[in-house]
Amino acid sequence: MVKALTDSNFDTETKEGVVLVDFWATWCGPCRMQSPIIDELDEEMGDKVSFTKMDVDANPSTPQEFGIMGIPTLLIKKDGEVVEKLVGFTPKERLEEVLEQYV
């Protein structure tokens, strides 16, 4: 299951293993297109990757800290370090390719 992150639990939830964070907002069309892809990948790769989402409107501090200017932005962290940042809608095949490098 894709876990919702907040400014207060972000560091704790993303400090171990491979974590994908989907920065999104309810009003964002491309974010709504990205969401089912994240859900599918969670089902397929959830044993190797933690899939998470953060609503940028409800949690402004973390996106600001990571310089998130456009959404959707997908941040991939490995053991607490940012290893990849994908801005804009990312097709499933491309996202799988990127994630496979880190698992």
PDB file of N, CA and C in Angstrom:
ATOM      1  N   MET A   1       0.836  -1.190   0.000  1.00  0.00           N
ATOM      2  CA  MET A   1       0.000   0.000   0.000  1.00  0.00           C
ATOM      3  C   MET A   1       0.884   1.258   0.000  1.00  0.00           C
ATOM      4  N   VAL A   2       0.529   2.201  -0.822  1.00  0.00           N
ATOM      5  CA  VAL A   2       1.274   3.456  -0.909  1.00  0.00           C
ATOM      6  C   VAL A   2       0.987   4.272   0.349  1.00  0.00           C
ATOM      7  N   LYS A   3       2.045   4.673   1.025  1.00  0.00           N
ATOM      8  CA  LYS A   3       1.912   5.355   2.316  1.00  0.00           C
ATOM      9  C   LYS A   3       1.939   6.876   2.120  1.00  0.00           C
ATOM     10  N   ALA A   4       1.049   7.565   2.824  1.00  0.00           N
ATOM     11  CA  ALA A   4       1.030   9.029   2.779  1.00  0.00           C
ATOM     12  C   ALA A   4       2.064   9.570   3.767  1.00  0.00           C
ATOM     13  N   LEU A   5       2.895  10.485   3.291  1.00  0.00           N
ATOM     14  CA  LEU A   5       3.912  11.107   4.140  1.00  0.00           C
ATOM     15  C   LEU A   5       3.494  12.520   4.519  1.00  0.00           C
ATOM     16  N   THR A   6       4.043  12.985   5.653  1.00  0.00           N
ATOM     17  CA  THR A   6       3.830  14.359   6.093  1.00  0.00           C
ATOM     18  C   THR A   6       5.198  14.978   6.366  1.00  0.00           C
ATOM     19  N   ASP A   7       5.213  16.278   6.554  1.00  0.00           N
ATOM     20  CA  ASP A   7       6.475  16.943   6.909  1.00  0.00           C
ATOM     21  C   ASP A   7       7.084  16.313   8.160  1.00  0.00           C
ATOM     22  N   SER A   8       6.232  15.899   9.111  1.00  0.00           N
ATOM     23  CA  SER A   8       6.754  15.396  10.380  1.00  0.00           C
ATOM     24  C   SER A   8       7.304  13.968  10.315  1.00  0.00           C
ATOM     25  N   ASN A   9       6.787  13.115   9.404  1.00  0.00           N
ATOM     26  CA  ASN A   9       7.305  11.738   9.365  1.00  0.00           C
ATOM     27  C   ASN A   9       8.211  11.451   8.159  1.00  0.00           C
ATOM     28  N   PHE A  10       8.453  12.445   7.326  1.00  0.00           N
ATOM     29  CA  PHE A  10       9.223  12.243   6.095  1.00  0.00           C
ATOM     30  C   PHE A  10      10.599  11.618   6.344  1.00  0.00           C
ATOM     31  N   ASP A  11      11.388  12.210   7.219  1.00  0.00           N
ATOM     32  CA  ASP A  11      12.752  11.717   7.447  1.00  0.00           C
ATOM     33  C   ASP A  11      12.761  10.282   7.971  1.00  0.00           C
ATOM     34  N   THR A  12      11.897   9.997   8.924  1.00  0.00           N
ATOM     35  CA  THR A  12      11.827   8.659   9.508  1.00  0.00           C
ATOM     36  C   THR A  12      11.436   7.614   8.469  1.00  0.00           C
ATOM     37  N   GLU A  13      10.446   7.940   7.642  1.00  0.00           N
ATOM     38  CA  GLU A  13       9.915   6.976   6.673  1.00  0.00           C
ATOM     39  C   GLU A  13      10.809   6.785   5.450  1.00  0.00           C
ATOM     40  N   THR A  14      11.749   7.692   5.218  1.00  0.00           N
ATOM     41  CA  THR A  14      12.558   7.600   3.996  1.00  0.00           C
ATOM     42  C   THR A  14      14.039   7.380   4.278  1.00  0.00           C
ATOM     43  N   LYS A  15      14.382   6.967   5.494  1.00  0.00           N
ATOM     44  CA  LYS A  15      15.806   6.867   5.819  1.00  0.00           C
ATOM     45  C   LYS A  15      16.419   5.498   5.543  1.00  0.00           C
ATOM     46  N   GLU A  16      15.598   4.476   5.306  1.00  0.00           N
ATOM     47  CA  GLU A  16      16.138   3.133   5.076  1.00  0.00           C
ATOM     48  C   GLU A  16      15.603   2.523   3.794  1.00  0.00           C
ATOM     49  N   GLY A  17      16.490   1.826   3.081  1.00  0.00           N
ATOM     50  CA  GLY A  17      16.092   1.121   1.873  1.00  0.00           C
ATOM     51  C   GLY A  17      15.840   2.067   0.716  1.00  0.00           C
ATOM     52  N   VAL A  18      15.180   1.540  -0.317  1.00  0.00           N
ATOM     53  CA  VAL A  18      14.836   2.338  -1.501  1.00  0.00           C
ATOM     54  C   VAL A  18      13.410   2.842  -1.327  1.00  0.00           C
ATOM     55  N   VAL A  19      13.251   4.161  -1.394  1.00  0.00           N
ATOM     56  CA  VAL A  19      11.942   4.783  -1.189  1.00  0.00           C
ATOM     57  C   VAL A  19      11.647   5.726  -2.353  1.00  0.00           C
ATOM     58  N   LEU A  20      10.465   5.582  -2.944  1.00  0.00           N
ATOM     59  CA  LEU A  20      10.016   6.519  -3.964  1.00  0.00           C
ATOM     60  C   LEU A  20       8.992   7.443  -3.311  1.00  0.00           C
ATOM     61  N   VAL A  21       9.218   8.740  -3.443  1.00  0.00           N
ATOM     62  CA  VAL A  21       8.267   9.725  -2.917  1.00  0.00           C
ATOM     63  C   VAL A  21       7.638  10.456  -4.098  1.00  0.00           C
ATOM     64  N   ASP A  22       6.319  10.376  -4.172  1.00  0.00           N
ATOM     65  CA  ASP A  22       5.559  11.056  -5.216  1.00  0.00           C
ATOM     66  C   ASP A  22       5.023  12.359  -4.617  1.00  0.00           C
ATOM     67  N   PHE A  23       5.607  13.491  -5.044  1.00  0.00           N
ATOM     68  CA  PHE A  23       5.115  14.806  -4.611  1.00  0.00           C
ATOM     69  C   PHE A  23       3.982  15.191  -5.553  1.00  0.00           C
ATOM     70  N   TRP A  24       2.793  15.437  -5.013  1.00  0.00           N
ATOM     71  CA  TRP A  24       1.604  15.648  -5.828  1.00  0.00           C
ATOM     72  C   TRP A  24       0.656  16.645  -5.164  1.00  0.00           C
ATOM     73  N   ALA A  25      -0.422  16.968  -5.883  1.00  0.00           N
ATOM     74  CA  ALA A  25      -1.507  17.796  -5.332  1.00  0.00           C
ATOM     75  C   ALA A  25      -2.814  17.347  -5.978  1.00  0.00           C
ATOM     76  N   THR A  26      -3.910  17.543  -5.269  1.00  0.00           N
ATOM     77  CA  THR A  26      -5.214  17.079  -5.745  1.00  0.00           C
ATOM     78  C   THR A  26      -5.634  17.755  -7.049  1.00  0.00           C
ATOM     79  N   TRP A  27      -5.219  19.011  -7.260  1.00  0.00           N
ATOM     80  CA  TRP A  27      -5.644  19.774  -8.431  1.00  0.00           C
ATOM     81  C   TRP A  27      -4.769  19.515  -9.667  1.00  0.00           C
ATOM     82  N   CYS A  28      -3.763  18.686  -9.550  1.00  0.00           N
ATOM     83  CA  CYS A  28      -2.771  18.482 -10.610  1.00  0.00           C
ATOM     84  C   CYS A  28      -3.161  17.308 -11.515  1.00  0.00           C
ATOM     85  N   GLY A  29      -3.487  17.607 -12.782  1.00  0.00           N
ATOM     86  CA  GLY A  29      -3.877  16.577 -13.754  1.00  0.00           C
ATOM     87  C   GLY A  29      -2.814  15.501 -13.977  1.00  0.00           C
ATOM     88  N   PRO A  30      -1.568  15.891 -14.302  1.00  0.00           N
ATOM     89  CA  PRO A  30      -0.524  14.880 -14.497  1.00  0.00           C
ATOM     90  C   PRO A  30      -0.286  14.024 -13.241  1.00  0.00           C
ATOM     91  N   CYS A  31      -0.523  14.605 -12.062  1.00  0.00           N
ATOM     92  CA  CYS A  31      -0.382  13.840 -10.811  1.00  0.00           C
ATOM     93  C   CYS A  31      -1.422  12.723 -10.767  1.00  0.00           C
ATOM     94  N   ARG A  32      -2.633  13.033 -11.224  1.00  0.00           N
ATOM     95  CA  ARG A  32      -3.695  12.025 -11.238  1.00  0.00           C
ATOM     96  C   ARG A  32      -3.395  10.927 -12.249  1.00  0.00           C
ATOM     97  N   MET A  33      -2.644  11.254 -13.311  1.00  0.00           N
ATOM     98  CA  MET A  33      -2.218  10.234 -14.278  1.00  0.00           C
ATOM     99  C   MET A  33      -1.083   9.379 -13.693  1.00  0.00           C
ATOM    100  N   GLN A  34      -0.243   9.989 -12.877  1.00  0.00           N
ATOM    101  CA  GLN A  34       0.908   9.289 -12.293  1.00  0.00           C
ATOM    102  C   GLN A  34       0.474   8.304 -11.211  1.00  0.00           C
ATOM    103  N   SER A  35      -0.549   8.661 -10.475  1.00  0.00           N
ATOM    104  CA  SER A  35      -0.977   7.897  -9.314  1.00  0.00           C
ATOM    105  C   SER A  35      -1.248   6.404  -9.576  1.00  0.00           C
ATOM    106  N   PRO A  36      -2.030   6.038 -10.628  1.00  0.00           N
ATOM    107  CA  PRO A  36      -2.269   4.604 -10.855  1.00  0.00           C
ATOM    108  C   PRO A  36      -0.985   3.837 -11.197  1.00  0.00           C
ATOM    109  N   ILE A  37      -0.023   4.511 -11.796  1.00  0.00           N
ATOM    110  CA  ILE A  37       1.253   3.871 -12.124  1.00  0.00           C
ATOM    111  C   ILE A  37       2.005   3.552 -10.832  1.00  0.00           C
ATOM    112  N   ILE A  38       1.989   4.488  -9.901  1.00  0.00           N
ATOM    113  CA  ILE A  38       2.634   4.275  -8.597  1.00  0.00           C
ATOM    114  C   ILE A  38       1.961   3.097  -7.891  1.00  0.00           C
ATOM    115  N   ASP A  39       0.631   3.043  -7.944  1.00  0.00           N
ATOM    116  CA  ASP A  39      -0.112   1.945  -7.311  1.00  0.00           C
ATOM    117  C   ASP A  39       0.263   0.597  -7.930  1.00  0.00           C
ATOM    118  N   GLU A  40       0.356   0.541  -9.268  1.00  0.00           N
ATOM    119  CA  GLU A  40       0.733  -0.697  -9.959  1.00  0.00           C
ATOM    120  C   GLU A  40       2.132  -1.146  -9.562  1.00  0.00           C
ATOM    121  N   LEU A  41       3.066  -0.201  -9.559  1.00  0.00           N
ATOM    122  CA  LEU A  41       4.444  -0.544  -9.211  1.00  0.00           C
ATOM    123  C   LEU A  41       4.552  -0.975  -7.751  1.00  0.00           C
ATOM    124  N   ASP A  42       3.718  -0.396  -6.895  1.00  0.00           N
ATOM    125  CA  ASP A  42       3.704  -0.803  -5.498  1.00  0.00           C
ATOM    126  C   ASP A  42       3.323  -2.283  -5.387  1.00  0.00           C
ATOM    127  N   GLU A  43       2.337  -2.709  -6.179  1.00  0.00           N
ATOM    128  CA  GLU A  43       1.923  -4.111  -6.173  1.00  0.00           C
ATOM    129  C   GLU A  43       3.027  -5.012  -6.710  1.00  0.00           C
ATOM    130  N   GLU A  44       3.733  -4.547  -7.749  1.00  0.00           N
ATOM    131  CA  GLU A  44       4.747  -5.368  -8.409  1.00  0.00           C
ATOM    132  C   GLU A  44       6.102  -5.349  -7.702  1.00  0.00           C
ATOM    133  N   MET A  45       6.476  -4.197  -7.119  1.00  0.00           N
ATOM    134  CA  MET A  45       7.822  -4.043  -6.555  1.00  0.00           C
ATOM    135  C   MET A  45       7.817  -3.680  -5.072  1.00  0.00           C
ATOM    136  N   GLY A  46       6.656  -3.723  -4.444  1.00  0.00           N
ATOM    137  CA  GLY A  46       6.501  -3.288  -3.063  1.00  0.00           C
ATOM    138  C   GLY A  46       7.371  -4.030  -2.058  1.00  0.00           C
ATOM    139  N   ASP A  47       7.861  -5.216  -2.445  1.00  0.00           N
ATOM    140  CA  ASP A  47       8.743  -5.959  -1.543  1.00  0.00           C
ATOM    141  C   ASP A  47      10.171  -5.411  -1.563  1.00  0.00           C
ATOM    142  N   LYS A  48      10.512  -4.653  -2.638  1.00  0.00           N
ATOM    143  CA  LYS A  48      11.867  -4.114  -2.785  1.00  0.00           C
ATOM    144  C   LYS A  48      11.945  -2.603  -2.619  1.00  0.00           C
ATOM    145  N   VAL A  49      10.824  -1.931  -2.870  1.00  0.00           N
ATOM    146  CA  VAL A  49      10.771  -0.466  -2.842  1.00  0.00           C
ATOM    147  C   VAL A  49       9.584  -0.026  -1.991  1.00  0.00           C
ATOM    148  N   SER A  50       9.789   0.998  -1.153  1.00  0.00           N
ATOM    149  CA  SER A  50       8.670   1.592  -0.412  1.00  0.00           C
ATOM    150  C   SER A  50       8.104   2.729  -1.258  1.00  0.00           C
ATOM    151  N   PHE A  51       6.827   2.656  -1.571  1.00  0.00           N
ATOM    152  CA  PHE A  51       6.176   3.689  -2.378  1.00  0.00           C
ATOM    153  C   PHE A  51       5.385   4.609  -1.453  1.00  0.00           C
ATOM    154  N   THR A  52       5.655   5.915  -1.579  1.00  0.00           N
ATOM    155  CA  THR A  52       5.023   6.902  -0.707  1.00  0.00           C
ATOM    156  C   THR A  52       4.557   8.102  -1.523  1.00  0.00           C
ATOM    157  N   LYS A  53       3.660   8.893  -0.934  1.00  0.00           N
ATOM    158  CA  LYS A  53       3.139  10.107  -1.583  1.00  0.00           C
ATOM    159  C   LYS A  53       3.143  11.243  -0.578  1.00  0.00           C
ATOM    160  N   MET A  54       3.343  12.445  -1.094  1.00  0.00           N
ATOM    161  CA  MET A  54       3.246  13.614  -0.222  1.00  0.00           C
ATOM    162  C   MET A  54       2.467  14.713  -0.929  1.00  0.00           C
ATOM    163  N   ASP A  55       1.389  15.152  -0.298  1.00  0.00           N
ATOM    164  CA  ASP A  55       0.571  16.255  -0.809  1.00  0.00           C
ATOM    165  C   ASP A  55       1.320  17.559  -0.517  1.00  0.00           C
ATOM    166  N   VAL A  56       1.739  18.239  -1.584  1.00  0.00           N
ATOM    167  CA  VAL A  56       2.571  19.442  -1.415  1.00  0.00           C
ATOM    168  C   VAL A  56       1.798  20.612  -0.805  1.00  0.00           C
ATOM    169  N   ASP A  57       0.483  20.621  -0.971  1.00  0.00           N
ATOM    170  CA  ASP A  57      -0.314  21.707  -0.385  1.00  0.00           C
ATOM    171  C   ASP A  57      -0.441  21.541   1.126  1.00  0.00           C
ATOM    172  N   ALA A  58      -0.589  20.301   1.571  1.00  0.00           N
ATOM    173  CA  ALA A  58      -0.747  20.036   3.007  1.00  0.00           C
ATOM    174  C   ALA A  58       0.591  20.016   3.742  1.00  0.00           C
ATOM    175  N   ASN A  59       1.674  19.785   3.000  1.00  0.00           N
ATOM    176  CA  ASN A  59       3.005  19.654   3.608  1.00  0.00           C
ATOM    177  C   ASN A  59       4.026  20.477   2.827  1.00  0.00           C
ATOM    178  N   PRO A  60       4.075  21.796   3.045  1.00  0.00           N
ATOM    179  CA  PRO A  60       4.941  22.655   2.230  1.00  0.00           C
ATOM    180  C   PRO A  60       6.437  22.612   2.580  1.00  0.00           C
ATOM    181  N   SER A  61       6.797  22.226   3.789  1.00  0.00           N
ATOM    182  CA  SER A  61       8.202  22.317   4.215  1.00  0.00           C
ATOM    183  C   SER A  61       9.136  21.368   3.477  1.00  0.00           C
ATOM    184  N   THR A  62       8.751  20.100   3.391  1.00  0.00           N
ATOM    185  CA  THR A  62       9.619  19.107   2.744  1.00  0.00           C
ATOM    186  C   THR A  62       9.839  19.410   1.262  1.00  0.00           C
ATOM    187  N   PRO A  63       8.774  19.687   0.481  1.00  0.00           N
ATOM    188  CA  PRO A  63       9.018  20.024  -0.931  1.00  0.00           C
ATOM    189  C   PRO A  63       9.954  21.231  -1.084  1.00  0.00           C
ATOM    190  N   GLN A  64       9.815  22.217  -0.206  1.00  0.00           N
ATOM    191  CA  GLN A  64      10.682  23.396  -0.252  1.00  0.00           C
ATOM    192  C   GLN A  64      12.132  23.000   0.031  1.00  0.00           C
ATOM    193  N   GLU A  65      12.319  22.152   1.024  1.00  0.00           N
ATOM    194  CA  GLU A  65      13.651  21.685   1.408  1.00  0.00           C
ATOM    195  C   GLU A  65      14.359  20.966   0.250  1.00  0.00           C
ATOM    196  N   PHE A  66      13.588  20.217  -0.557  1.00  0.00           N
ATOM    197  CA  PHE A  66      14.166  19.463  -1.665  1.00  0.00           C
ATOM    198  C   PHE A  66      14.074  20.200  -3.000  1.00  0.00           C
ATOM    199  N   GLY A  67      13.645  21.454  -2.975  1.00  0.00           N
ATOM    200  CA  GLY A  67      13.594  22.259  -4.194  1.00  0.00           C
ATOM    201  C   GLY A  67      12.582  21.767  -5.206  1.00  0.00           C
ATOM    202  N   ILE A  68      11.466  21.241  -4.726  1.00  0.00           N
ATOM    203  CA  ILE A  68      10.415  20.758  -5.622  1.00  0.00           C
ATOM    204  C   ILE A  68       9.678  21.981  -6.175  1.00  0.00           C
ATOM    205  N   MET A  69       9.834  22.218  -7.484  1.00  0.00           N
ATOM    206  CA  MET A  69       9.227  23.399  -8.115  1.00  0.00           C
ATOM    207  C   MET A  69       8.006  23.046  -8.956  1.00  0.00           C
ATOM    208  N   GLY A  70       7.992  21.837  -9.503  1.00  0.00           N
ATOM    209  CA  GLY A  70       6.878  21.407 -10.349  1.00  0.00           C
ATOM    210  C   GLY A  70       6.410  20.042  -9.888  1.00  0.00           C
ATOM    211  N   ILE A  71       5.136  19.750 -10.141  1.00  0.00           N
ATOM    212  CA  ILE A  71       4.624  18.436  -9.768  1.00  0.00           C
ATOM    213  C   ILE A  71       3.924  17.808 -10.970  1.00  0.00           C
ATOM    214  N   PRO A  72       3.880  16.499 -11.062  1.00  0.00           N
ATOM    215  CA  PRO A  72       4.464  15.578 -10.103  1.00  0.00           C
ATOM    216  C   PRO A  72       5.998  15.565 -10.173  1.00  0.00           C
ATOM    217  N   THR A  73       6.615  15.412  -9.023  1.00  0.00           N
ATOM    218  CA  THR A  73       8.050  15.147  -8.945  1.00  0.00           C
ATOM    219  C   THR A  73       8.208  13.860  -8.155  1.00  0.00           C
ATOM    220  N   LEU A  74       8.991  12.942  -8.708  1.00  0.00           N
ATOM    221  CA  LEU A  74       9.270  11.683  -8.030  1.00  0.00           C
ATOM    222  C   LEU A  74      10.702  11.736  -7.527  1.00  0.00           C
ATOM    223  N   LEU A  75      10.841  11.554  -6.233  1.00  0.00           N
ATOM    224  CA  LEU A  75      12.159  11.559  -5.597  1.00  0.00           C
ATOM    225  C   LEU A  75      12.453  10.122  -5.199  1.00  0.00           C
ATOM    226  N   ILE A  76      13.630   9.633  -5.534  1.00  0.00           N
ATOM    227  CA  ILE A  76      14.010   8.286  -5.124  1.00  0.00           C
ATOM    228  C   ILE A  76      15.173   8.412  -4.159  1.00  0.00           C
ATOM    229  N   LYS A  77      14.984   7.826  -2.974  1.00  0.00           N
ATOM    230  CA  LYS A  77      16.020   7.863  -1.946  1.00  0.00           C
ATOM    231  C   LYS A  77      16.494   6.440  -1.681  1.00  0.00           C
ATOM    232  N   LYS A  78      17.782   6.309  -1.459  1.00  0.00           N
ATOM    233  CA  LYS A  78      18.338   5.015  -1.052  1.00  0.00           C
ATOM    234  C   LYS A  78      19.104   5.238   0.234  1.00  0.00           C
ATOM    235  N   ASP A  79      18.677   4.547   1.283  1.00  0.00           N
ATOM    236  CA  ASP A  79      19.285   4.677   2.608  1.00  0.00           C
ATOM    237  C   ASP A  79      19.432   6.140   3.030  1.00  0.00           C
ATOM    238  N   GLY A  80      18.377   6.917   2.773  1.00  0.00           N
ATOM    239  CA  GLY A  80      18.331   8.299   3.232  1.00  0.00           C
ATOM    240  C   GLY A  80      18.913   9.334   2.287  1.00  0.00           C
ATOM    241  N   GLU A  81      19.596   8.894   1.230  1.00  0.00           N
ATOM    242  CA  GLU A  81      20.205   9.830   0.277  1.00  0.00           C
ATOM    243  C   GLU A  81      19.372   9.903  -1.006  1.00  0.00           C
ATOM    244  N   VAL A  82      19.174  11.116  -1.525  1.00  0.00           N
ATOM    245  CA  VAL A  82      18.462  11.265  -2.791  1.00  0.00           C
ATOM    246  C   VAL A  82      19.369  10.777  -3.921  1.00  0.00           C
ATOM    247  N   VAL A  83      18.877   9.792  -4.687  1.00  0.00           N
ATOM    248  CA  VAL A  83      19.668   9.243  -5.789  1.00  0.00           C
ATOM    249  C   VAL A  83      19.087   9.593  -7.153  1.00  0.00           C
ATOM    250  N   GLU A  84      17.834  10.041  -7.178  1.00  0.00           N
ATOM    251  CA  GLU A  84      17.186  10.354  -8.450  1.00  0.00           C
ATOM    252  C   GLU A  84      16.036  11.316  -8.209  1.00  0.00           C
ATOM    253  N   LYS A  85      15.821  12.209  -9.193  1.00  0.00           N
ATOM    254  CA  LYS A  85      14.701  13.160  -9.127  1.00  0.00           C
ATOM    255  C   LYS A  85      14.106  13.241 -10.522  1.00  0.00           C
ATOM    256  N   LEU A  86      12.848  12.839 -10.651  1.00  0.00           N
ATOM    257  CA  LEU A  86      12.163  12.839 -11.944  1.00  0.00           C
ATOM    258  C   LEU A  86      11.035  13.865 -11.882  1.00  0.00           C
ATOM    259  N   VAL A  87      11.089  14.862 -12.753  1.00  0.00           N
ATOM    260  CA  VAL A  87      10.094  15.934 -12.735  1.00  0.00           C
ATOM    261  C   VAL A  87       9.128  15.747 -13.892  1.00  0.00           C
ATOM    262  N   GLY A  88       7.837  15.854 -13.592  1.00  0.00           N
ATOM    263  CA  GLY A  88       6.813  15.674 -14.616  1.00  0.00           C
ATOM    264  C   GLY A  88       6.335  14.232 -14.653  1.00  0.00           C
ATOM    265  N   PHE A  89       5.335  13.989 -15.481  1.00  0.00           N
ATOM    266  CA  PHE A  89       4.780  12.643 -15.610  1.00  0.00           C
ATOM    267  C   PHE A  89       5.864  11.685 -16.106  1.00  0.00           C
ATOM    268  N   THR A  90       5.997  10.538 -15.441  1.00  0.00           N
ATOM    269  CA  THR A  90       6.985   9.535 -15.831  1.00  0.00           C
ATOM    270  C   THR A  90       6.271   8.237 -16.189  1.00  0.00           C
ATOM    271  N   PRO A  91       6.449   7.746 -17.432  1.00  0.00           N
ATOM    272  CA  PRO A  91       5.799   6.489 -17.828  1.00  0.00           C
ATOM    273  C   PRO A  91       6.279   5.315 -16.978  1.00  0.00           C
ATOM    274  N   LYS A  92       5.437   4.309 -16.846  1.00  0.00           N
ATOM    275  CA  LYS A  92       5.723   3.159 -15.999  1.00  0.00           C
ATOM    276  C   LYS A  92       7.051   2.486 -16.359  1.00  0.00           C
ATOM    277  N   GLU A  93       7.282   2.258 -17.660  1.00  0.00           N
ATOM    278  CA  GLU A  93       8.490   1.554 -18.100  1.00  0.00           C
ATOM    279  C   GLU A  93       9.746   2.309 -17.671  1.00  0.00           C
ATOM    280  N   ARG A  94       9.738   3.610 -17.817  1.00  0.00           N
ATOM    281  CA  ARG A  94      10.891   4.442 -17.440  1.00  0.00           C
ATOM    282  C   ARG A  94      11.117   4.386 -15.925  1.00  0.00           C
ATOM    283  N   LEU A  95      10.039   4.452 -15.184  1.00  0.00           N
ATOM    284  CA  LEU A  95      10.131   4.427 -13.728  1.00  0.00           C
ATOM    285  C   LEU A  95      10.671   3.080 -13.243  1.00  0.00           C
ATOM    286  N   GLU A  96      10.205   1.999 -13.848  1.00  0.00           N
ATOM    287  CA  GLU A  96      10.707   0.658 -13.511  1.00  0.00           C
ATOM    288  C   GLU A  96      12.201   0.570 -13.754  1.00  0.00           C
ATOM    289  N   GLU A  97      12.614   1.082 -14.916  1.00  0.00           N
ATOM    290  CA  GLU A  97      14.036   1.099 -15.309  1.00  0.00           C
ATOM    291  C   GLU A  97      14.893   1.801 -14.251  1.00  0.00           C
ATOM    292  N   VAL A  98      14.439   2.977 -13.846  1.00  0.00           N
ATOM    293  CA  VAL A  98      15.181   3.782 -12.869  1.00  0.00           C
ATOM    294  C   VAL A  98      15.239   3.059 -11.527  1.00  0.00           C
ATOM    295  N   LEU A  99      14.104   2.530 -11.075  1.00  0.00           N
ATOM    296  CA  LEU A  99      14.060   1.865  -9.768  1.00  0.00           C
ATOM    297  C   LEU A  99      14.942   0.618  -9.725  1.00  0.00           C
ATOM    298  N   GLU A 100      14.982  -0.125 -10.827  1.00  0.00           N
ATOM    299  CA  GLU A 100      15.774  -1.363 -10.883  1.00  0.00           C
ATOM    300  C   GLU A 100      17.269  -1.096 -10.608  1.00  0.00           C
ATOM    301  N   GLN A 101      17.738   0.111 -10.907  1.00  0.00           N
ATOM    302  CA  GLN A 101      19.136   0.454 -10.664  1.00  0.00           C
ATOM    303  C   GLN A 101      19.482   0.460  -9.177  1.00  0.00           C
ATOM    304  N   TYR A 102      18.482   0.637  -8.324  1.00  0.00           N
ATOM    305  CA  TYR A 102      18.746   0.853  -6.905  1.00  0.00           C
ATOM    306  C   TYR A 102      18.322  -0.296  -5.996  1.00  0.00           C
ATOM    307  N   VAL A 103      17.612  -1.295  -6.562  1.00  0.00           N
ATOM    308  CA  VAL A 103      17.144  -2.414  -5.699  1.00  0.00           C
ATOM    309  C   VAL A 103      18.089  -3.593  -5.753  1.00  0.00           C
TER     310      VAL A 103
END
